[in-house]
Protein backbone atom coordinates (compact mmCIF):
# COMPACT_ATOMS: atom_id res chain seq x y z
CA UNK A 1 67.21 -5.94 -7.77
CA UNK A 2 70.10 -3.54 -7.97
CA UNK A 3 70.56 -1.52 -11.10
CA UNK A 4 73.60 -2.01 -13.29
CA UNK A 5 75.48 1.00 -11.93
CA UNK A 6 75.02 -0.08 -8.31
CA UNK A 7 76.10 -3.62 -9.13
CA UNK A 8 79.21 -2.40 -10.96
CA UNK A 9 80.14 0.03 -8.19
CA UNK A 10 80.03 -2.74 -5.56
CA UNK A 11 82.28 -4.92 -7.70
CA UNK A 12 84.66 -2.10 -8.65
CA UNK A 13 85.07 -1.09 -5.01
CA UNK A 14 85.84 -4.67 -4.01
CA UNK A 15 88.36 -5.21 -6.81
CA UNK A 16 90.01 -1.82 -6.27
CA UNK A 17 90.89 -2.85 -2.73
CA UNK A 18 92.45 -6.17 -3.73
CA UNK A 19 95.47 -7.50 -5.58
CA UNK A 20 93.93 -6.80 -9.02
CA UNK A 21 93.51 -3.06 -8.47
CA UNK A 22 96.19 -2.11 -11.02
CA UNK A 23 94.70 -4.39 -13.67
CA UNK A 24 91.25 -2.93 -13.06
CA UNK A 25 92.64 0.59 -13.44
CA UNK A 26 94.27 -0.31 -16.76
CA UNK A 27 91.11 -1.94 -18.12
CA UNK A 28 88.94 0.97 -17.07
CA UNK A 29 91.39 3.44 -18.60
CA UNK A 30 91.36 1.53 -21.89
CA UNK A 31 87.57 1.51 -22.04
CA UNK A 32 87.21 5.09 -20.84
CA UNK A 33 89.70 6.55 -23.32
CA UNK A 34 88.19 4.86 -26.38
CA UNK A 35 86.04 7.27 -28.32
CA UNK A 36 84.72 5.22 -31.19
CA UNK A 37 86.71 2.02 -31.08
CA UNK A 38 85.04 -0.80 -29.22
CA UNK A 39 85.84 -4.44 -28.88
CA UNK A 40 85.12 -6.38 -32.04
CA UNK A 41 83.06 -9.57 -31.87
CA UNK A 42 86.35 -11.46 -32.21
CA UNK A 43 87.87 -9.52 -29.30
CA UNK A 44 84.84 -10.27 -27.13
CA UNK A 45 84.96 -13.98 -28.05
CA UNK A 46 88.67 -14.12 -27.14
CA UNK A 47 88.01 -12.36 -23.82
CA UNK A 48 85.15 -14.74 -23.05
CA UNK A 49 87.35 -17.75 -23.84
CA UNK A 50 90.09 -16.36 -21.61
CA UNK A 51 87.62 -16.01 -18.75
CA UNK A 52 86.50 -19.62 -19.22
CA UNK A 53 90.13 -20.81 -19.27
CA UNK A 54 90.85 -18.88 -16.08
CA UNK A 55 87.79 -20.38 -14.38
CA UNK A 56 89.04 -23.85 -15.35
CA UNK A 57 92.41 -23.05 -13.80
CA UNK A 58 94.18 -22.88 -17.15
CA UNK A 59 96.60 -20.08 -16.48
CA UNK A 60 100.10 -19.36 -15.22
CA UNK A 61 101.19 -16.80 -12.68
CA UNK A 62 103.10 -13.69 -13.66
CA UNK A 63 106.16 -15.12 -11.92
CA UNK A 64 105.91 -18.34 -13.99
CA UNK A 65 105.54 -16.29 -17.18
CA UNK A 66 108.61 -14.20 -16.37
CA UNK A 67 110.62 -17.29 -15.53
CA UNK A 68 109.68 -18.98 -18.82
CA UNK A 69 110.64 -15.84 -20.75
CA UNK A 70 113.84 -15.20 -18.79
CA UNK A 71 112.61 -11.82 -17.59
């Protein structure tokens, strides 16, 4: 079994070459720059719920969001 670092590197490399590369960079920057502040249990629960919603197809595209907001 691969160790955690190897597993993460494979995934990071794959994502960094796809359409979500900018989002990955922003998330990594946020986590990297935090010194003592980490996600609260509430933050983690909200993130987990968002992942579940995404997996169920409960999301809108950025274009749809902009259209709804008149951006």
